């Protein structure tokens, strides 16, 4: 696997994670881990982090 292909694959996975987290927020889906509800602000952080990592990955693939 080339570096470019790896960057594109990683960026696409991070983009998918960001979109799924955003869908969770919009649809109001609750997530419970080990009996504890995960707050929506954690999903906002996940959207931002995954979005930035996706952007960086796609940008690295274009170089």
C-alpha atoms as a PDB file:
ATOM      1  CA  UNK A   1       0.000   0.000   0.000  1.00  0.00           C
ATOM      2  CA  UNK A   2       1.371   3.366  -0.970  1.00  0.00           C
ATOM      3  CA  UNK A   3       1.474   6.353   1.347  1.00  0.00           C
ATOM      4  CA  UNK A   4      -1.104   8.145  -0.778  1.00  0.00           C
ATOM      5  CA  UNK A   5      -3.529   5.210  -0.630  1.00  0.00           C
ATOM      6  CA  UNK A   6      -3.075   4.942   3.132  1.00  0.00           C
ATOM      7  CA  UNK A   7      -3.783   8.651   3.603  1.00  0.00           C
ATOM      8  CA  UNK A   8      -6.942   8.431   1.494  1.00  0.00           C
ATOM      9  CA  UNK A   9      -8.175   5.336   3.345  1.00  0.00           C
ATOM     10  CA  UNK A  10      -7.497   6.816   6.785  1.00  0.00           C
ATOM     11  CA  UNK A  11      -9.103  10.122   5.795  1.00  0.00           C
ATOM     12  CA  UNK A  12     -12.201   8.349   4.483  1.00  0.00           C
ATOM     13  CA  UNK A  13     -12.560   6.374   7.719  1.00  0.00           C
ATOM     14  CA  UNK A  14     -12.244   9.543   9.809  1.00  0.00           C
ATOM     15  CA  UNK A  15     -14.782  11.287   7.552  1.00  0.00           C
ATOM     16  CA  UNK A  16     -17.210   8.405   8.075  1.00  0.00           C
ATOM     17  CA  UNK A  17     -16.754   8.635  11.847  1.00  0.00           C
ATOM     18  CA  UNK A  18     -17.379  12.394  11.765  1.00  0.00           C
ATOM     19  CA  UNK A  19     -20.548  11.954   9.700  1.00  0.00           C
ATOM     20  CA  UNK A  20     -21.866   9.187  11.954  1.00  0.00           C
ATOM     21  CA  UNK A  21     -21.258  11.293  15.061  1.00  0.00           C
ATOM     22  CA  UNK A  22     -23.042  14.216  13.428  1.00  0.00           C
ATOM     23  CA  UNK A  23     -25.976  11.963  12.542  1.00  0.00           C
ATOM     24  CA  UNK A  24     -26.091  10.814  16.174  1.00  0.00           C
ATOM     25  CA  UNK A  25     -26.401  14.425  17.307  1.00  0.00           C
ATOM     26  CA  UNK A  26     -29.044  15.380  14.738  1.00  0.00           C
ATOM     27  CA  UNK A  27     -31.158  12.254  15.240  1.00  0.00           C
ATOM     28  CA  UNK A  28     -30.805  12.357  19.025  1.00  0.00           C
ATOM     29  CA  UNK A  29     -29.557   8.785  19.350  1.00  0.00           C
ATOM     30  CA  UNK A  30     -28.472   7.908  22.865  1.00  0.00           C
ATOM     31  CA  UNK A  31     -25.374   5.846  23.531  1.00  0.00           C
ATOM     32  CA  UNK A  32     -24.851   3.944  26.756  1.00  0.00           C
ATOM     33  CA  UNK A  33     -21.473   2.498  27.663  1.00  0.00           C
ATOM     34  CA  UNK A  34     -21.340   0.228  30.688  1.00  0.00           C
ATOM     35  CA  UNK A  35     -24.540   1.740  32.053  1.00  0.00           C
ATOM     36  CA  UNK A  36     -23.409   5.357  31.605  1.00  0.00           C
ATOM     37  CA  UNK A  37     -25.031   7.635  29.011  1.00  0.00           C
ATOM     38  CA  UNK A  38     -22.520   9.342  26.716  1.00  0.00           C
ATOM     39  CA  UNK A  39     -23.360  13.071  26.526  1.00  0.00           C
ATOM     40  CA  UNK A  40     -23.867  14.815  23.204  1.00  0.00           C
ATOM     41  CA  UNK A  41     -20.998  17.229  23.829  1.00  0.00           C
ATOM     42  CA  UNK A  42     -18.643  14.247  23.517  1.00  0.00           C
ATOM     43  CA  UNK A  43     -19.990  13.673  20.010  1.00  0.00           C
ATOM     44  CA  UNK A  44     -19.320  17.315  19.115  1.00  0.00           C
ATOM     45  CA  UNK A  45     -15.698  16.809  20.153  1.00  0.00           C
ATOM     46  CA  UNK A  46     -15.574  13.609  18.096  1.00  0.00           C
ATOM     47  CA  UNK A  47     -16.993  15.425  15.050  1.00  0.00           C
ATOM     48  CA  UNK A  48     -14.349  18.139  15.302  1.00  0.00           C
ATOM     49  CA  UNK A  49     -11.414  15.782  15.920  1.00  0.00           C
ATOM     50  CA  UNK A  50     -12.423  13.271  13.238  1.00  0.00           C
ATOM     51  CA  UNK A  51     -13.164  16.083  10.781  1.00  0.00           C
ATOM     52  CA  UNK A  52      -9.757  17.659  11.290  1.00  0.00           C
ATOM     53  CA  UNK A  53      -8.003  14.297  10.951  1.00  0.00           C
ATOM     54  CA  UNK A  54      -9.953  13.611   7.764  1.00  0.00           C
ATOM     55  CA  UNK A  55      -9.023  17.005   6.339  1.00  0.00           C
ATOM     56  CA  UNK A  56      -5.345  16.484   7.183  1.00  0.00           C
ATOM     57  CA  UNK A  57      -5.400  13.008   5.635  1.00  0.00           C
ATOM     58  CA  UNK A  58      -6.953  14.161   2.368  1.00  0.00           C
ATOM     59  CA  UNK A  59      -4.571  17.093   2.245  1.00  0.00           C
ATOM     60  CA  UNK A  60      -1.560  14.800   2.794  1.00  0.00           C
ATOM     61  CA  UNK A  61      -2.789  12.523   0.002  1.00  0.00           C
ATOM     62  CA  UNK A  62      -2.801  15.422  -2.444  1.00  0.00           C
ATOM     63  CA  UNK A  63       0.850  16.276  -1.862  1.00  0.00           C
END
